[in-house]
Amino acid sequence: MTMSAAIPAEVTAQSAIDAAIRQAPDADKVFAQARAAAETDGVPFAGSITPRDAWALFQSGAAQLVDVRSGEERKFVGLVPGTLHVAWASGTALTRNPRFVKELEAKVAKDRPVLLLCRSGKRSALAAEAATKAGFTAAFNVLEGFEGEINDRQQRGELGGWRHAGLPWTQD
């Protein structure tokens, strides 16, 4: 006798994420490809990583994931569980955090790969550049950020990004 039961969407989504992690490319290969692209493009930091690869690297322990968005963004838009937080800027005016590098140094070793995540991948690229200038040897930007780019309706969340990729996140 065969019985079938509906599988909750959360279970199937998590299964897809788990499968993606198991199929994740080798960390050294991902880092090498990102570095090669950065060198070709003249990027002033180690390189950029896709959200899916960033999640796999973070989950495997190959890199630390640091959210550089403001505390307000994390609270009201959502955050990736288990990440560190060092704001690149804060407040509604997104005033640059002059202590960013010092705060990052207090949380992550300079020789450890660090993946920096913001809303769309722009502030995290600036943060990766600042970290590299401060002596971090493997500061990577997470492409597309948490929410992705703005679409033609001036909305985020449909054009790339962590959430659009279906990766884990929570919200207060």
Protein backbone atom coordinates (compact mmCIF):
# COMPACT_ATOMS: atom_id res chain seq x y z
CA MET A 1 0.00 0.00 0.00
CA THR A 2 1.39 3.35 -1.02
CA MET A 3 0.63 6.50 0.88
CA SER A 4 1.50 9.97 -0.32
CA ALA A 5 1.48 13.07 1.75
CA ALA A 6 1.96 16.68 0.85
CA ILE A 7 5.49 17.84 1.53
CA PRO A 8 5.65 21.32 3.06
CA ALA A 9 7.23 23.95 0.80
CA GLU A 10 9.82 24.72 3.49
CA VAL A 11 11.06 21.12 3.37
CA THR A 12 11.40 21.06 -0.42
CA ALA A 13 13.10 24.47 -0.45
CA GLN A 14 15.55 23.35 2.22
CA SER A 15 16.16 20.12 0.30
CA ALA A 16 17.03 22.15 -2.79
CA ILE A 17 19.42 24.31 -0.76
CA ASP A 18 21.02 21.22 0.80
CA ALA A 19 21.43 19.66 -2.65
CA ALA A 20 23.05 22.84 -3.97
CA ILE A 21 25.49 22.81 -1.07
CA ARG A 22 26.41 19.17 -1.67
CA GLN A 23 27.06 20.04 -5.31
CA ALA A 24 29.00 23.17 -4.44
CA PRO A 25 32.22 23.63 -6.33
CA ASP A 26 35.57 23.28 -4.60
CA ALA A 27 36.30 26.35 -2.45
CA ASP A 28 39.79 26.83 -3.87
CA LYS A 29 38.36 26.73 -7.39
CA VAL A 30 35.65 29.30 -6.57
CA PHE A 31 38.18 31.64 -4.96
CA ALA A 32 40.64 31.18 -7.87
CA GLN A 33 37.96 31.96 -10.46
CA ALA A 34 36.85 35.05 -8.53
CA ARG A 35 40.45 36.25 -8.20
CA ALA A 36 41.13 35.69 -11.92
CA ALA A 37 38.00 37.65 -12.91
CA ALA A 38 38.92 40.44 -10.48
CA GLU A 39 42.40 40.68 -11.94
CA THR A 40 41.06 40.76 -15.50
CA ASP A 41 38.51 43.43 -14.58
CA GLY A 42 40.95 45.47 -12.49
CA VAL A 43 38.85 45.11 -9.33
CA PRO A 44 40.69 46.39 -6.22
CA PHE A 45 39.77 43.43 -3.98
CA ALA A 46 39.93 39.63 -4.15
CA GLY A 47 36.86 39.23 -6.34
CA SER A 48 33.13 38.62 -6.40
CA ILE A 49 31.19 35.47 -5.52
CA THR A 50 27.60 34.51 -6.42
CA PRO A 51 25.08 34.23 -3.57
CA ARG A 52 24.82 30.43 -4.02
CA ASP A 53 28.59 29.97 -3.90
CA ALA A 54 28.79 32.35 -0.92
CA TRP A 55 26.25 30.24 0.98
CA ALA A 56 28.10 27.01 0.15
CA LEU A 57 31.45 28.50 1.20
CA PHE A 58 29.97 29.85 4.43
CA GLN A 59 28.20 26.59 5.25
CA SER A 60 31.35 24.56 4.61
CA GLY A 61 33.41 26.82 6.87
CA ALA A 62 35.67 27.89 3.99
CA ALA A 63 34.77 31.57 4.51
CA GLN A 64 33.15 33.92 6.97
CA LEU A 65 30.04 35.79 5.80
CA VAL A 66 29.76 39.39 7.02
CA ASP A 67 26.66 41.50 6.44
CA VAL A 68 27.72 45.13 5.93
CA ARG A 69 24.21 46.57 5.75
CA SER A 70 22.89 48.85 8.46
CA GLY A 71 21.27 47.44 11.56
CA GLU A 72 17.97 48.88 10.35
CA GLU A 73 18.20 47.01 7.04
CA ARG A 74 18.93 43.75 8.81
CA LYS A 75 16.01 44.24 11.21
CA PHE A 76 13.38 45.37 8.72
CA VAL A 77 14.44 43.62 5.50
CA GLY A 78 15.95 40.39 6.84
CA LEU A 79 19.30 38.75 7.44
CA VAL A 80 21.23 35.56 6.81
CA PRO A 81 21.34 33.37 9.93
CA GLY A 82 24.75 32.99 11.55
CA THR A 83 26.41 35.91 9.81
CA LEU A 84 28.55 38.51 11.48
CA HIS A 85 27.51 42.15 11.26
CA VAL A 86 29.81 45.09 10.63
CA ALA A 87 27.94 48.05 9.18
CA TRP A 88 29.64 49.84 6.29
CA ALA A 89 27.26 52.75 6.87
CA SER A 90 24.41 53.48 9.26
CA GLY A 91 21.23 55.49 9.66
CA THR A 92 18.74 56.53 7.01
CA ALA A 93 21.39 58.71 5.33
CA LEU A 94 23.78 55.71 5.27
CA THR A 95 26.58 57.66 6.87
CA ARG A 96 29.90 55.85 6.37
CA ASN A 97 31.12 54.00 9.45
CA PRO A 98 34.64 55.35 10.14
CA ARG A 99 35.34 52.31 12.36
CA PHE A 100 34.43 49.73 9.71
CA VAL A 101 37.93 48.30 9.27
CA LYS A 102 38.65 48.20 13.01
CA GLU A 103 35.34 46.45 13.67
CA LEU A 104 36.00 43.95 10.88
CA GLU A 105 39.51 43.28 12.23
CA ALA A 106 37.99 42.52 15.64
CA LYS A 107 35.72 39.86 14.14
CA VAL A 108 37.66 38.27 11.26
CA ALA A 109 41.34 37.34 10.86
CA LYS A 110 42.98 39.20 7.99
CA ASP A 111 44.11 35.99 6.31
CA ARG A 112 40.67 34.32 6.46
CA PRO A 113 38.40 34.50 3.39
CA VAL A 114 35.60 36.94 4.14
CA LEU A 115 32.47 37.34 2.02
CA LEU A 116 30.87 40.77 2.33
CA LEU A 117 27.13 41.14 1.72
CA CYS A 118 25.04 44.31 1.34
CA ARG A 119 21.70 45.14 -0.31
CA SER A 120 22.77 45.02 -3.97
CA GLY A 121 26.51 44.31 -4.04
CA LYS A 122 27.65 47.92 -4.32
CA ARG A 123 28.45 48.84 -0.69
CA SER A 124 29.96 45.41 -0.11
CA ALA A 125 32.31 46.02 -3.06
CA LEU A 126 33.42 49.27 -1.39
CA ALA A 127 33.78 47.40 1.91
CA ALA A 128 35.87 44.69 0.21
CA GLU A 129 38.13 47.37 -1.27
CA ALA A 130 38.59 49.02 2.14
CA ALA A 131 39.29 45.65 3.77
CA THR A 132 41.87 44.82 1.10
CA LYS A 133 43.60 48.19 1.58
CA ALA A 134 43.70 47.42 5.33
CA GLY A 135 45.53 44.14 4.71
CA PHE A 136 42.74 41.55 4.38
CA THR A 137 44.09 39.04 1.86
CA ALA A 138 40.81 37.46 0.79
CA ALA A 139 38.00 40.04 0.93
CA PHE A 140 35.26 39.08 -1.55
CA ASN A 141 32.06 40.86 -2.56
CA VAL A 142 28.81 38.85 -2.73
CA LEU A 143 27.33 39.67 -6.14
CA GLU A 144 23.77 41.02 -6.28
CA GLY A 145 23.64 41.47 -2.48
CA PHE A 146 20.73 40.49 -0.30
CA GLU A 147 17.94 42.07 -2.37
CA GLY A 148 19.35 42.38 -5.89
CA GLU A 149 18.96 45.23 -8.35
CA ILE A 150 15.96 47.52 -8.79
CA ASN A 151 13.56 46.35 -11.52
CA ASP A 152 11.65 48.55 -13.96
CA ARG A 153 8.93 49.07 -11.32
CA GLN A 154 11.55 50.43 -8.89
CA GLN A 155 11.34 47.33 -6.67
CA ARG A 156 14.02 45.00 -5.35
CA GLY A 157 13.83 41.25 -4.86
CA GLU A 158 13.11 40.08 -8.41
CA LEU A 159 16.45 40.71 -10.15
CA GLY A 160 19.04 38.56 -8.42
CA GLY A 161 20.18 38.64 -4.84
CA TRP A 162 20.31 36.32 -1.87
CA ARG A 163 16.56 36.14 -1.29
CA HIS A 164 15.74 35.73 -4.98
CA ALA A 165 18.12 32.76 -5.09
CA GLY A 166 16.00 31.11 -2.40
CA LEU A 167 18.83 30.99 0.12
CA PRO A 168 18.17 30.94 3.89
CA TRP A 169 17.24 34.20 5.61
CA THR A 170 15.17 35.32 8.55
CA GLN A 171 13.39 38.48 9.58
CA ASP A 172 12.46 39.99 12.95
